[in-house]
C-alpha atoms as a PDB file:
ATOM      1  CA  MET A   1       0.000   0.000   0.000  1.00  0.00           C
ATOM      2  CA  ARG A   2       1.193   3.493  -0.850  1.00  0.00           C
ATOM      3  CA  VAL A   3       1.408   6.381   1.612  1.00  0.00           C
ATOM      4  CA  ARG A   4      -1.114   8.377  -0.444  1.00  0.00           C
ATOM      5  CA  GLU A   5      -3.745   5.750   0.379  1.00  0.00           C
ATOM      6  CA  ALA A   6      -3.195   5.975   4.145  1.00  0.00           C
ATOM      7  CA  MET A   7      -2.216   9.605   4.784  1.00  0.00           C
ATOM      8  CA  ASN A   8      -4.317  12.482   6.012  1.00  0.00           C
ATOM      9  CA  ARG A   9      -4.664  14.988   3.186  1.00  0.00           C
ATOM     10  CA  GLY A  10      -3.801  18.564   3.966  1.00  0.00           C
ATOM     11  CA  VAL A  11      -1.128  19.910   6.256  1.00  0.00           C
ATOM     12  CA  ILE A  12      -1.949  22.034   9.273  1.00  0.00           C
ATOM     13  CA  THR A  13       0.782  24.612   9.639  1.00  0.00           C
ATOM     14  CA  VAL A  14       1.993  27.633  11.546  1.00  0.00           C
ATOM     15  CA  GLY A  15       4.462  30.347  10.664  1.00  0.00           C
ATOM     16  CA  LEU A  16       7.896  30.825  12.150  1.00  0.00           C
ATOM     17  CA  ASP A  17       6.752  33.762  14.255  1.00  0.00           C
ATOM     18  CA  THR A  18       3.684  32.050  15.752  1.00  0.00           C
ATOM     19  CA  ALA A  19       3.403  32.302  19.533  1.00  0.00           C
ATOM     20  CA  PRO A  20       3.421  28.978  21.428  1.00  0.00           C
ATOM     21  CA  ILE A  21      -0.036  29.645  22.882  1.00  0.00           C
ATOM     22  CA  GLU A  22      -1.441  30.070  19.360  1.00  0.00           C
ATOM     23  CA  ALA A  23       0.138  26.771  18.292  1.00  0.00           C
ATOM     24  CA  PHE A  24      -1.304  25.052  21.380  1.00  0.00           C
ATOM     25  CA  GLU A  25      -4.773  26.417  20.645  1.00  0.00           C
ATOM     26  CA  LYS A  26      -4.567  25.275  17.027  1.00  0.00           C
ATOM     27  CA  MET A  27      -3.493  21.766  18.034  1.00  0.00           C
ATOM     28  CA  TYR A  28      -6.249  21.576  20.638  1.00  0.00           C
ATOM     29  CA  LYS A  29      -8.982  22.739  18.244  1.00  0.00           C
ATOM     30  CA  LYS A  30      -7.841  20.386  15.466  1.00  0.00           C
ATOM     31  CA  GLY A  31      -7.152  17.424  17.785  1.00  0.00           C
ATOM     32  CA  ILE A  32      -3.598  16.976  16.528  1.00  0.00           C
ATOM     33  CA  ARG A  33      -0.180  16.555  18.141  1.00  0.00           C
ATOM     34  CA  ARG A  34       2.131  18.222  15.653  1.00  0.00           C
ATOM     35  CA  LEU A  35       2.256  21.273  13.437  1.00  0.00           C
ATOM     36  CA  PHE A  36       4.579  21.820  10.553  1.00  0.00           C
ATOM     37  CA  VAL A  37       6.296  25.187  10.513  1.00  0.00           C
ATOM     38  CA  MET A  38       6.436  26.970   7.172  1.00  0.00           C
ATOM     39  CA  ASP A  39       8.243  30.068   5.992  1.00  0.00           C
ATOM     40  CA  GLU A  40       6.432  32.867   4.170  1.00  0.00           C
ATOM     41  CA  ALA A  41       6.922  31.099   0.823  1.00  0.00           C
ATOM     42  CA  GLY A  42       5.230  27.933   2.114  1.00  0.00           C
ATOM     43  CA  ASN A  43       8.430  25.911   2.449  1.00  0.00           C
ATOM     44  CA  PRO A  44       8.679  23.498   5.390  1.00  0.00           C
ATOM     45  CA  LYS A  45      11.188  24.718   7.976  1.00  0.00           C
ATOM     46  CA  GLY A  46      10.433  22.627  11.027  1.00  0.00           C
ATOM     47  CA  VAL A  47       7.989  20.682  13.105  1.00  0.00           C
ATOM     48  CA  VAL A  48       6.685  21.383  16.575  1.00  0.00           C
ATOM     49  CA  SER A  49       4.957  18.817  18.747  1.00  0.00           C
ATOM     50  CA  TYR A  50       2.349  19.116  21.447  1.00  0.00           C
ATOM     51  CA  TYR A  51       5.045  18.216  23.973  1.00  0.00           C
ATOM     52  CA  ASP A  52       7.397  20.931  22.672  1.00  0.00           C
ATOM     53  CA  VAL A  53       4.672  23.512  23.160  1.00  0.00           C
ATOM     54  CA  ILE A  54       3.577  22.229  26.569  1.00  0.00           C
ATOM     55  CA  GLY A  55       7.227  22.237  27.645  1.00  0.00           C
ATOM     56  CA  ILE A  56       7.558  25.934  26.930  1.00  0.00           C
ATOM     57  CA  LEU A  57       4.131  26.847  28.276  1.00  0.00           C
ATOM     58  CA  GLY A  58       4.640  24.770  31.407  1.00  0.00           C
ATOM     59  CA  SER A  59       1.125  23.346  31.563  1.00  0.00           C
ATOM     60  CA  THR A  60      -1.633  21.680  29.620  1.00  0.00           C
ATOM     61  CA  LYS A  61      -3.745  24.687  30.624  1.00  0.00           C
ATOM     62  CA  PRO A  62      -1.456  27.487  29.509  1.00  0.00           C
ATOM     63  CA  SER A  63      -2.081  31.146  29.933  1.00  0.00           C
ATOM     64  CA  ARG A  64      -1.139  33.885  27.529  1.00  0.00           C
ATOM     65  CA  GLU A  65       1.461  35.130  30.019  1.00  0.00           C
ATOM     66  CA  VAL A  66       4.340  33.093  28.568  1.00  0.00           C
ATOM     67  CA  LYS A  67       7.255  35.172  27.335  1.00  0.00           C
ATOM     68  CA  SER A  68       5.803  37.188  24.496  1.00  0.00           C
ATOM     69  CA  SER A  69       9.129  37.095  22.676  1.00  0.00           C
ATOM     70  CA  THR A  70       9.129  33.287  22.359  1.00  0.00           C
ATOM     71  CA  LYS A  71       8.192  32.101  18.881  1.00  0.00           C
ATOM     72  CA  ILE A  72       7.658  28.659  17.400  1.00  0.00           C
ATOM     73  CA  GLU A  73      10.911  28.989  15.471  1.00  0.00           C
ATOM     74  CA  ASP A  74      12.692  29.062  18.870  1.00  0.00           C
ATOM     75  CA  ILE A  75      11.331  25.662  19.940  1.00  0.00           C
ATOM     76  CA  MET A  76      10.722  23.753  16.694  1.00  0.00           C
ATOM     77  CA  SER A  77      12.795  20.867  15.454  1.00  0.00           C
ATOM     78  CA  GLU A  78      14.428  21.725  12.156  1.00  0.00           C
ATOM     79  CA  ASN A  79      14.894  18.070  11.265  1.00  0.00           C
ATOM     80  CA  ILE A  80      11.815  17.317   9.186  1.00  0.00           C
ATOM     81  CA  ILE A  81      11.692  13.769   7.919  1.00  0.00           C
ATOM     82  CA  THR A  82       9.542  13.476   4.838  1.00  0.00           C
ATOM     83  CA  VAL A  83       8.165  10.712   2.704  1.00  0.00           C
ATOM     84  CA  SER A  84       6.788  10.708  -0.815  1.00  0.00           C
ATOM     85  CA  SER A  85       3.125   9.958  -1.356  1.00  0.00           C
ATOM     86  CA  GLU A  86       4.339   7.152  -3.650  1.00  0.00           C
ATOM     87  CA  ASP A  87       6.478   5.477  -0.966  1.00  0.00           C
ATOM     88  CA  SER A  88       5.197   2.352   0.709  1.00  0.00           C
ATOM     89  CA  VAL A  89       3.495   2.505   4.088  1.00  0.00           C
ATOM     90  CA  GLU A  90       6.102  -0.026   5.240  1.00  0.00           C
ATOM     91  CA  ASN A  91       8.871   2.442   4.372  1.00  0.00           C
ATOM     92  CA  ALA A  92       7.051   5.220   6.253  1.00  0.00           C
ATOM     93  CA  ALA A  93       6.682   2.973   9.312  1.00  0.00           C
ATOM     94  CA  ASN A  94      10.375   2.089   9.225  1.00  0.00           C
ATOM     95  CA  LEU A  95      11.356   5.763   8.957  1.00  0.00           C
ATOM     96  CA  MET A  96       9.225   6.635  11.989  1.00  0.00           C
ATOM     97  CA  LEU A  97      10.619   3.751  14.031  1.00  0.00           C
ATOM     98  CA  ARG A  98      14.246   4.541  13.205  1.00  0.00           C
ATOM     99  CA  ALA A  99      13.821   8.256  13.922  1.00  0.00           C
ATOM    100  CA  ASP A 100      11.599   7.647  16.981  1.00  0.00           C
ATOM    101  CA  ILE A 101       8.931  10.031  15.707  1.00  0.00           C
ATOM    102  CA  SER A 102       5.188   9.668  15.332  1.00  0.00           C
ATOM    103  CA  GLY A 103       4.465  11.425  12.053  1.00  0.00           C
ATOM    104  CA  LEU A 104       5.910  12.270   8.657  1.00  0.00           C
ATOM    105  CA  LEU A 105       5.252  15.117   6.277  1.00  0.00           C
ATOM    106  CA  VAL A 106       4.116  13.728   2.915  1.00  0.00           C
ATOM    107  CA  LEU A 107       5.370  15.384  -0.260  1.00  0.00           C
ATOM    108  CA  GLU A 108       4.270  15.302  -3.890  1.00  0.00           C
ATOM    109  CA  ASP A 109       6.515  17.108  -6.355  1.00  0.00           C
ATOM    110  CA  GLU A 110       8.432  18.603  -3.398  1.00  0.00           C
ATOM    111  CA  LYS A 111       5.223  20.196  -2.018  1.00  0.00           C
ATOM    112  CA  PRO A 112       3.576  19.222   1.292  1.00  0.00           C
ATOM    113  CA  VAL A 113       0.248  17.446   0.690  1.00  0.00           C
ATOM    114  CA  GLY A 114      -0.427  15.484   3.853  1.00  0.00           C
ATOM    115  CA  VAL A 115       0.729  13.713   6.969  1.00  0.00           C
ATOM    116  CA  ILE A 116       1.011  10.050   7.861  1.00  0.00           C
ATOM    117  CA  THR A 117       1.186   9.069  11.527  1.00  0.00           C
ATOM    118  CA  LYS A 118       1.795   5.958  13.601  1.00  0.00           C
ATOM    119  CA  THR A 119      -1.916   6.042  14.403  1.00  0.00           C
ATOM    120  CA  ASP A 120      -2.763   5.839  10.689  1.00  0.00           C
ATOM    121  CA  ILE A 121      -0.505   2.818  10.329  1.00  0.00           C
ATOM    122  CA  CYS A 122      -1.950   1.148  13.438  1.00  0.00           C
ATOM    123  CA  ARG A 123      -5.437   1.577  11.978  1.00  0.00           C
ATOM    124  CA  LEU A 124      -4.309  -0.182   8.803  1.00  0.00           C
ATOM    125  CA  VAL A 125      -2.791  -3.063  10.747  1.00  0.00           C
ATOM    126  CA  ALA A 126      -5.869  -3.389  12.973  1.00  0.00           C
ATOM    127  CA  ALA A 127      -8.173  -3.378   9.946  1.00  0.00           C
ATOM    128  CA  GLU A 128      -6.077  -6.086   8.301  1.00  0.00           C
ATOM    129  CA  LEU A 129      -6.060  -8.227  11.434  1.00  0.00           C
ATOM    130  CA  LEU A 130      -9.759  -7.792  12.173  1.00  0.00           C
ATOM    131  CA  VAL A 131     -11.091  -8.470   8.694  1.00  0.00           C
ATOM    132  CA  PRO A 132     -11.577 -12.186   8.067  1.00  0.00           C
ATOM    133  CA  ALA A 133      -9.740 -13.590   5.069  1.00  0.00           C
ATOM    134  CA  ASP A 134     -11.887 -14.711   2.134  1.00  0.00           C
END
């Protein structure tokens, strides 16, 4: 199976100058655990996780009183591991395991088009195991 068949289409992003509280609120509203950080031209520059943001805010119930000078670019990881939409899901799973990460940015023609996560892969495995063979 190809990544394009298992990924979540669309990429939820923030800019480099986004405040951590804004990133937290976006993650909370969307029910996600990572945001990809893009520059003004729409190029991926980093990734920030729920745990990165909570670490800087100091709580899962943050206030807007965190240092106003802190920006996502200060706490993001610049090491974005990507996968092509044409790669196999097995390859994506291996990349996540080796890098000890839970999600990959999916590219088509060098442009971000989606995300594939460990949860997506677990759903595929569970569906395969739970469906009786013909």
